[in-house]
Amino acid sequence: MVIFVLVLVMAPMMASAQSPGQQNLGVSAPSPELTAAWWQWAVSIPASQSPITDTSGAKCDVGQSGPVWFLVGTTGGDPVTRDCTIPKKKAILVPIVNAEWSVTEANGGPYVGGTCFVPASPQGTSEEALRACAIATMDRVTGATVEVDGVSQSPYRVQSPLFIFKPVPHNVFAIPRGETQSVADGFWILLEPLSVGQHTIHFHGVAEFPEYEFTLNVEATYNLTIK
């Protein structure tokens, strides 16, 4: 089970918040397909080059393309602060906490027996089973918050469709290499392009796994320059 830096799919909604000196913020739920695209991007980068393992923001532009810029959280541990420059007119996808479950993982590895990280039914490699595991994992989330320029925003829980991704060797999630199918679930926001200048995004996700005596904390602050 990959849990990252994660109910039914909510229909896209728009919200606005005014921060002193800034434009109104366009905040919405990302499409399910966009959350799948985030995972396809995240597993396509070796851990040594991944924005996820980068604690400074120096690698925030690795693999970025298209009209939406992908931010990342962490795989747990200490909070991180990243400095990142984003071209103007780019929407920004923020993953507060998320998870996926793939056929490769359900078939065993890297997890012995291939069972879901938490109790879920059914087990197996069907789309229904993959979705059940992703949902059961995100049902453990006890907190998901995000602020943009100091203004709190409401995250959206979104499930992906069944999608194909191709983890590269030594990816940050240790998913075995090769093409496989997956389903993801998580808490996100999608920001319309921010105004040119300085902005700050802070997000924090918490998930509880008492059977493992483990609490996942994903917390990141981005100091953004839009130009």
C-alpha atoms as a PDB file:
ATOM      1  CA  MET A   1       0.000   0.000   0.000  1.00  0.00           C
ATOM      2  CA  VAL A   2       1.293   3.391  -0.935  1.00  0.00           C
ATOM      3  CA  ILE A   3       0.062   6.128   1.376  1.00  0.00           C
ATOM      4  CA  PHE A   4       1.111   9.637   0.587  1.00  0.00           C
ATOM      5  CA  VAL A   5       1.786  12.454   1.597  1.00  0.00           C
ATOM      6  CA  LEU A   6      -5.209  10.671   0.082  1.00  0.00           C
ATOM      7  CA  VAL A   7     -17.080   8.614   0.774  1.00  0.00           C
ATOM      8  CA  LEU A   8     -17.849   9.167  -2.756  1.00  0.00           C
ATOM      9  CA  VAL A   9     -16.260  11.279  -5.407  1.00  0.00           C
ATOM     10  CA  MET A  10     -17.348  14.869  -4.898  1.00  0.00           C
ATOM     11  CA  ALA A  11     -18.539  16.851  -7.867  1.00  0.00           C
ATOM     12  CA  PRO A  12     -16.293  19.801  -8.724  1.00  0.00           C
ATOM     13  CA  MET A  13     -17.174  22.882  -6.721  1.00  0.00           C
ATOM     14  CA  MET A  14     -15.765  26.379  -6.766  1.00  0.00           C
ATOM     15  CA  ALA A  15     -14.912  28.441  -3.724  1.00  0.00           C
ATOM     16  CA  SER A  16     -13.315  31.831  -3.257  1.00  0.00           C
ATOM     17  CA  ALA A  17     -11.360  33.327  -0.399  1.00  0.00           C
ATOM     18  CA  GLN A  18      -9.891  36.819  -0.176  1.00  0.00           C
ATOM     19  CA  SER A  19      -6.401  37.288   1.235  1.00  0.00           C
ATOM     20  CA  PRO A  20      -5.041  40.804   1.728  1.00  0.00           C
ATOM     21  CA  GLY A  21      -3.160  41.920  -1.359  1.00  0.00           C
ATOM     22  CA  GLN A  22      -4.047  38.784  -3.336  1.00  0.00           C
ATOM     23  CA  GLN A  23      -6.646  37.893  -5.933  1.00  0.00           C
ATOM     24  CA  ASN A  24      -9.671  35.770  -5.158  1.00  0.00           C
ATOM     25  CA  LEU A  25      -8.606  32.139  -5.105  1.00  0.00           C
ATOM     26  CA  GLY A  26     -10.363  29.704  -7.401  1.00  0.00           C
ATOM     27  CA  VAL A  27     -10.424  26.390  -5.521  1.00  0.00           C
ATOM     28  CA  SER A  28     -12.101  23.236  -6.792  1.00  0.00           C
ATOM     29  CA  ALA A  29     -12.052  19.471  -6.616  1.00  0.00           C
ATOM     30  CA  PRO A  30      -9.703  17.953  -9.193  1.00  0.00           C
ATOM     31  CA  SER A  31     -11.174  15.516 -11.652  1.00  0.00           C
ATOM     32  CA  PRO A  32     -10.691  11.832 -10.801  1.00  0.00           C
ATOM     33  CA  GLU A  33      -8.582  11.515 -13.957  1.00  0.00           C
ATOM     34  CA  LEU A  34      -6.244  14.301 -12.797  1.00  0.00           C
ATOM     35  CA  THR A  35      -5.553  12.502  -9.511  1.00  0.00           C
ATOM     36  CA  ALA A  36      -4.642   9.394 -11.525  1.00  0.00           C
ATOM     37  CA  ALA A  37      -2.297  11.513 -13.646  1.00  0.00           C
ATOM     38  CA  TRP A  38      -0.573  12.679 -10.437  1.00  0.00           C
ATOM     39  CA  TRP A  39       0.178   9.074  -9.504  1.00  0.00           C
ATOM     40  CA  GLN A  40       1.392   8.248 -13.015  1.00  0.00           C
ATOM     41  CA  TRP A  41       3.810  11.164 -12.721  1.00  0.00           C
ATOM     42  CA  ALA A  42       4.916  10.368  -9.151  1.00  0.00           C
ATOM     43  CA  VAL A  43       5.905   6.755  -9.887  1.00  0.00           C
ATOM     44  CA  SER A  44       7.728   7.708 -13.109  1.00  0.00           C
ATOM     45  CA  ILE A  45      10.581   9.403 -11.216  1.00  0.00           C
ATOM     46  CA  PRO A  46      13.412   7.588  -9.384  1.00  0.00           C
ATOM     47  CA  ALA A  47      13.592   8.355  -5.673  1.00  0.00           C
ATOM     48  CA  SER A  48      16.929  10.110  -6.106  1.00  0.00           C
ATOM     49  CA  GLN A  49      15.292  12.706  -8.370  1.00  0.00           C
ATOM     50  CA  SER A  50      11.824  12.779  -6.847  1.00  0.00           C
ATOM     51  CA  PRO A  51      10.250  15.997  -5.564  1.00  0.00           C
ATOM     52  CA  ILE A  52       8.855  13.795  -2.771  1.00  0.00           C
ATOM     53  CA  THR A  53      12.274  13.028  -1.275  1.00  0.00           C
ATOM     54  CA  ASP A  54      13.466  16.588  -1.880  1.00  0.00           C
ATOM     55  CA  THR A  55      13.176  18.662   1.295  1.00  0.00           C
ATOM     56  CA  SER A  56      14.272  22.008  -0.189  1.00  0.00           C
ATOM     57  CA  GLY A  57      12.206  22.334  -3.364  1.00  0.00           C
ATOM     58  CA  ALA A  58      15.216  22.130  -5.669  1.00  0.00           C
ATOM     59  CA  LYS A  59      13.534  19.307  -7.607  1.00  0.00           C
ATOM     60  CA  CYS A  60      10.022  20.785  -7.708  1.00  0.00           C
ATOM     61  CA  ASP A  61      10.145  21.093 -11.515  1.00  0.00           C
ATOM     62  CA  VAL A  62      11.167  17.490 -12.254  1.00  0.00           C
ATOM     63  CA  GLY A  63       8.821  15.929 -14.789  1.00  0.00           C
ATOM     64  CA  GLN A  64       6.390  18.850 -14.793  1.00  0.00           C
ATOM     65  CA  SER A  65       4.480  19.437 -18.013  1.00  0.00           C
ATOM     66  CA  GLY A  66       1.077  20.591 -19.187  1.00  0.00           C
ATOM     67  CA  PRO A  67      -1.317  23.158 -17.709  1.00  0.00           C
ATOM     68  CA  VAL A  68      -1.316  21.770 -14.134  1.00  0.00           C
ATOM     69  CA  TRP A  69       1.663  21.857 -11.752  1.00  0.00           C
ATOM     70  CA  PHE A  70       1.859  18.965  -9.277  1.00  0.00           C
ATOM     71  CA  LEU A  71       2.880  19.604  -5.681  1.00  0.00           C
ATOM     72  CA  VAL A  72       3.856  16.760  -3.351  1.00  0.00           C
ATOM     73  CA  GLY A  73       3.749  15.973   0.329  1.00  0.00           C
ATOM     74  CA  THR A  74       6.011  13.472   2.052  1.00  0.00           C
ATOM     75  CA  THR A  75       5.948   9.793   2.931  1.00  0.00           C
ATOM     76  CA  GLY A  76       5.714  10.751   6.605  1.00  0.00           C
ATOM     77  CA  GLY A  77       8.177  12.037   9.146  1.00  0.00           C
ATOM     78  CA  ASP A  78       9.177  15.621   9.825  1.00  0.00           C
ATOM     79  CA  PRO A  79       7.466  18.583   8.147  1.00  0.00           C
ATOM     80  CA  VAL A  80       9.273  20.037   5.141  1.00  0.00           C
ATOM     81  CA  THR A  81       9.504  23.530   3.700  1.00  0.00           C
ATOM     82  CA  ARG A  82      10.154  23.864  -0.018  1.00  0.00           C
ATOM     83  CA  ASP A  83      10.887  26.873  -2.211  1.00  0.00           C
ATOM     84  CA  CYS A  84       9.513  26.490  -5.725  1.00  0.00           C
ATOM     85  CA  THR A  85       9.176  28.684  -8.798  1.00  0.00           C
ATOM     86  CA  ILE A  86       6.128  27.986 -10.970  1.00  0.00           C
ATOM     87  CA  PRO A  87       5.427  29.537 -14.364  1.00  0.00           C
ATOM     88  CA  LYS A  88       2.438  31.852 -14.445  1.00  0.00           C
ATOM     89  CA  LYS A  89      -0.878  30.581 -15.797  1.00  0.00           C
ATOM     90  CA  LYS A  90      -0.363  27.106 -14.304  1.00  0.00           C
ATOM     91  CA  ALA A  91      -3.114  25.548 -12.197  1.00  0.00           C
ATOM     92  CA  ILE A  92      -1.740  23.856  -9.060  1.00  0.00           C
ATOM     93  CA  LEU A  93      -2.755  20.419  -7.753  1.00  0.00           C
ATOM     94  CA  VAL A  94      -2.238  19.957  -4.008  1.00  0.00           C
ATOM     95  CA  PRO A  95      -2.238  16.402  -2.568  1.00  0.00           C
ATOM     96  CA  ILE A  96      -2.938  16.706   1.155  1.00  0.00           C
ATOM     97  CA  VAL A  97      -2.876  12.981   1.888  1.00  0.00           C
ATOM     98  CA  ASN A  98      -3.550  10.122  -0.530  1.00  0.00           C
ATOM     99  CA  ALA A  99      -3.114   6.421  -1.199  1.00  0.00           C
ATOM    100  CA  GLU A 100      -3.243   3.908  -4.008  1.00  0.00           C
ATOM    101  CA  TRP A 101      -3.428   0.117  -4.308  1.00  0.00           C
ATOM    102  CA  SER A 102      -2.235  -1.681  -7.420  1.00  0.00           C
ATOM    103  CA  VAL A 103      -2.434  -5.127  -8.966  1.00  0.00           C
ATOM    104  CA  THR A 104       1.323  -5.508  -8.417  1.00  0.00           C
ATOM    105  CA  GLU A 105       0.903  -4.859  -4.705  1.00  0.00           C
ATOM    106  CA  ALA A 106      -2.175  -7.091  -4.465  1.00  0.00           C
ATOM    107  CA  ASN A 107      -0.178  -9.875  -6.089  1.00  0.00           C
ATOM    108  CA  GLY A 108       2.357  -9.766  -3.284  1.00  0.00           C
ATOM    109  CA  GLY A 109       4.974  -7.438  -3.532  1.00  0.00           C
ATOM    110  CA  PRO A 110       6.571  -5.704  -1.776  1.00  0.00           C
ATOM    111  CA  TYR A 111       4.002  -6.846   0.821  1.00  0.00           C
ATOM    112  CA  VAL A 112       3.951 -10.463   1.958  1.00  0.00           C
ATOM    113  CA  GLY A 113       0.747 -12.117   0.819  1.00  0.00           C
ATOM    114  CA  GLY A 114      -0.409  -9.035  -1.032  1.00  0.00           C
ATOM    115  CA  THR A 115      -3.216  -8.282   1.402  1.00  0.00           C
ATOM    116  CA  CYS A 116      -4.425  -4.733   1.856  1.00  0.00           C
ATOM    117  CA  PHE A 117      -2.595  -2.592   4.388  1.00  0.00           C
ATOM    118  CA  VAL A 118      -5.820  -2.371   6.407  1.00  0.00           C
ATOM    119  CA  PRO A 119      -8.891  -4.634   6.530  1.00  0.00           C
ATOM    120  CA  ALA A 120     -10.838  -4.328   3.271  1.00  0.00           C
ATOM    121  CA  SER A 121     -13.252  -6.474   1.312  1.00  0.00           C
ATOM    122  CA  PRO A 122     -13.033  -7.921  -1.218  1.00  0.00           C
ATOM    123  CA  GLN A 123      -9.385  -8.854  -1.537  1.00  0.00           C
ATOM    124  CA  GLY A 124      -7.772  -9.605  -4.864  1.00  0.00           C
ATOM    125  CA  THR A 125      -6.844  -7.795  -8.062  1.00  0.00           C
ATOM    126  CA  SER A 126     -10.238  -6.752  -9.412  1.00  0.00           C
ATOM    127  CA  GLU A 127     -11.078  -3.070  -9.730  1.00  0.00           C
ATOM    128  CA  GLU A 128     -13.550  -3.519  -6.863  1.00  0.00           C
ATOM    129  CA  ALA A 129     -10.820  -4.959  -4.628  1.00  0.00           C
ATOM    130  CA  LEU A 130      -8.265  -2.288  -5.499  1.00  0.00           C
ATOM    131  CA  ARG A 131     -10.832   0.431  -4.819  1.00  0.00           C
ATOM    132  CA  ALA A 132     -11.884  -1.153  -1.521  1.00  0.00           C
ATOM    133  CA  CYS A 133      -8.302  -1.087  -0.263  1.00  0.00           C
ATOM    134  CA  ALA A 134      -7.655   2.518  -1.292  1.00  0.00           C
ATOM    135  CA  ILE A 135     -10.927   3.643   0.327  1.00  0.00           C
ATOM    136  CA  ALA A 136     -10.300   1.671   3.534  1.00  0.00           C
ATOM    137  CA  THR A 137      -6.890   3.278   3.879  1.00  0.00           C
ATOM    138  CA  MET A 138      -8.185   6.811   3.401  1.00  0.00           C
ATOM    139  CA  ASP A 139     -11.002   6.105   5.849  1.00  0.00           C
ATOM    140  CA  ARG A 140      -8.229   6.193   8.459  1.00  0.00           C
ATOM    141  CA  VAL A 141      -7.585   9.889   7.821  1.00  0.00           C
ATOM    142  CA  THR A 142      -8.369  11.936  10.936  1.00  0.00           C
ATOM    143  CA  GLY A 143      -7.212  15.314   9.681  1.00  0.00           C
ATOM    144  CA  ALA A 144      -6.712  17.029   6.326  1.00  0.00           C
ATOM    145  CA  THR A 145      -6.097  20.776   6.245  1.00  0.00           C
ATOM    146  CA  VAL A 146      -4.750  23.222   3.687  1.00  0.00           C
ATOM    147  CA  GLU A 147      -4.117  26.964   3.710  1.00  0.00           C
ATOM    148  CA  VAL A 148      -3.312  29.182   0.744  1.00  0.00           C
ATOM    149  CA  ASP A 149      -1.758  32.533   1.658  1.00  0.00           C
ATOM    150  CA  GLY A 150      -2.984  32.001   5.207  1.00  0.00           C
ATOM    151  CA  VAL A 151      -6.575  31.305   4.198  1.00  0.00           C
ATOM    152  CA  SER A 152      -8.004  27.879   5.063  1.00  0.00           C
ATOM    153  CA  GLN A 153      -9.511  25.926   2.187  1.00  0.00           C
ATOM    154  CA  SER A 154     -11.765  22.880   2.311  1.00  0.00           C
ATOM    155  CA  PRO A 155     -10.143  19.769   0.832  1.00  0.00           C
ATOM    156  CA  TYR A 156     -12.045  17.430  -1.443  1.00  0.00           C
ATOM    157  CA  ARG A 157     -11.968  13.669  -1.227  1.00  0.00           C
ATOM    158  CA  VAL A 158     -11.645  12.192  -4.715  1.00  0.00           C
ATOM    159  CA  GLN A 159     -11.315   8.616  -5.946  1.00  0.00           C
ATOM    160  CA  SER A 160      -9.577   7.914  -9.227  1.00  0.00           C
ATOM    161  CA  PRO A 161     -10.862   5.662 -11.959  1.00  0.00           C
ATOM    162  CA  LEU A 162      -8.992   2.440 -12.591  1.00  0.00           C
ATOM    163  CA  PHE A 163      -5.771   3.569 -14.277  1.00  0.00           C
ATOM    164  CA  ILE A 164      -2.510   2.188 -15.590  1.00  0.00           C
ATOM    165  CA  PHE A 165       0.838   3.377 -14.310  1.00  0.00           C
ATOM    166  CA  LYS A 166       4.402   2.223 -14.832  1.00  0.00           C
ATOM    167  CA  PRO A 167       6.653   2.542 -11.794  1.00  0.00           C
ATOM    168  CA  VAL A 168      10.309   3.012 -12.651  1.00  0.00           C
ATOM    169  CA  PRO A 169      13.063   1.140 -10.819  1.00  0.00           C
ATOM    170  CA  HIS A 170      13.865   2.619  -7.408  1.00  0.00           C
ATOM    171  CA  ASN A 171      10.731   4.772  -7.267  1.00  0.00           C
ATOM    172  CA  VAL A 172      10.046   6.472  -3.940  1.00  0.00           C
ATOM    173  CA  PHE A 173       7.187   4.087  -3.082  1.00  0.00           C
ATOM    174  CA  ALA A 174       9.244   0.909  -3.715  1.00  0.00           C
ATOM    175  CA  ILE A 175       6.561  -0.449  -6.039  1.00  0.00           C
ATOM    176  CA  PRO A 176       8.147  -3.085  -8.307  1.00  0.00           C
ATOM    177  CA  ARG A 177       8.881  -1.794 -11.789  1.00  0.00           C
ATOM    178  CA  GLY A 178       6.574  -2.439 -14.696  1.00  0.00           C
ATOM    179  CA  GLU A 179       3.133  -1.576 -15.958  1.00  0.00           C
ATOM    180  CA  THR A 180       0.203  -2.318 -13.647  1.00  0.00           C
ATOM    181  CA  GLN A 181      -3.319  -1.164 -12.823  1.00  0.00           C
ATOM    182  CA  SER A 182      -4.204   0.847  -9.740  1.00  0.00           C
ATOM    183  CA  VAL A 183      -6.934   2.813  -7.986  1.00  0.00           C
ATOM    184  CA  ALA A 184      -6.275   5.828  -5.761  1.00  0.00           C
ATOM    185  CA  ASP A 185      -8.194   7.770  -3.141  1.00  0.00           C
ATOM    186  CA  GLY A 186      -7.263  10.962  -1.346  1.00  0.00           C
ATOM    187  CA  PHE A 187      -7.819  14.527  -0.198  1.00  0.00           C
ATOM    188  CA  TRP A 188      -6.925  17.291  -2.646  1.00  0.00           C
ATOM    189  CA  ILE A 189      -7.508  20.803  -3.868  1.00  0.00           C
ATOM    190  CA  LEU A 190      -7.008  22.212  -7.347  1.00  0.00           C
ATOM    191  CA  LEU A 191      -6.041  25.886  -7.504  1.00  0.00           C
ATOM    192  CA  GLU A 192      -6.626  28.113 -10.469  1.00  0.00           C
ATOM    193  CA  PRO A 193      -3.428  29.905 -11.563  1.00  0.00           C
ATOM    194  CA  LEU A 194      -2.148  32.214  -8.839  1.00  0.00           C
ATOM    195  CA  SER A 195      -1.194  35.827  -9.471  1.00  0.00           C
ATOM    196  CA  VAL A 196       2.409  36.677 -10.274  1.00  0.00           C
ATOM    197  CA  GLY A 197       4.436  37.115  -7.090  1.00  0.00           C
ATOM    198  CA  GLN A 198       4.905  35.312  -3.787  1.00  0.00           C
ATOM    199  CA  HIS A 199       2.475  32.800  -2.318  1.00  0.00           C
ATOM    200  CA  THR A 200       2.496  30.223   0.465  1.00  0.00           C
ATOM    201  CA  ILE A 201       0.699  26.890   0.556  1.00  0.00           C
ATOM    202  CA  HIS A 202       0.698  24.779   3.714  1.00  0.00           C
ATOM    203  CA  PHE A 203      -0.989  21.394   4.062  1.00  0.00           C
ATOM    204  CA  HIS A 204      -1.152  18.687   6.709  1.00  0.00           C
ATOM    205  CA  GLY A 205      -2.687  15.219   6.631  1.00  0.00           C
ATOM    206  CA  VAL A 206      -2.959  12.687   9.466  1.00  0.00           C
ATOM    207  CA  ALA A 207      -4.002   9.030   9.281  1.00  0.00           C
ATOM    208  CA  GLU A 208      -4.195   6.638  12.231  1.00  0.00           C
ATOM    209  CA  PHE A 209      -3.238   2.960  12.113  1.00  0.00           C
ATOM    210  CA  PRO A 210      -3.521   1.770  15.729  1.00  0.00           C
ATOM    211  CA  GLU A 211      -3.076  -1.891  14.815  1.00  0.00           C
ATOM    212  CA  TYR A 212       0.466  -0.968  13.773  1.00  0.00           C
ATOM    213  CA  GLU A 213       0.917   1.627  16.551  1.00  0.00           C
ATOM    214  CA  PHE A 214       1.569   4.082  13.741  1.00  0.00           C
ATOM    215  CA  THR A 215       0.362   7.569  12.878  1.00  0.00           C
ATOM    216  CA  LEU A 216       1.093   8.927   9.435  1.00  0.00           C
ATOM    217  CA  ASN A 217       1.855  12.650   9.400  1.00  0.00           C
ATOM    218  CA  VAL A 218       2.240  14.394   6.060  1.00  0.00           C
ATOM    219  CA  GLU A 219       3.047  18.095   6.368  1.00  0.00           C
ATOM    220  CA  ALA A 220       4.588  20.480   3.868  1.00  0.00           C
ATOM    221  CA  THR A 221       4.905  24.201   3.308  1.00  0.00           C
ATOM    222  CA  TYR A 222       5.573  25.628  -0.143  1.00  0.00           C
ATOM    223  CA  ASN A 223       6.979  29.107  -0.585  1.00  0.00           C
ATOM    224  CA  LEU A 224       6.021  29.768  -4.187  1.00  0.00           C
ATOM    225  CA  THR A 225       7.266  32.304  -6.676  1.00  0.00           C
ATOM    226  CA  ILE A 226       4.922  32.688  -9.634  1.00  0.00           C
ATOM    227  CA  LYS A 227       6.554  34.343 -12.641  1.00  0.00           C
END
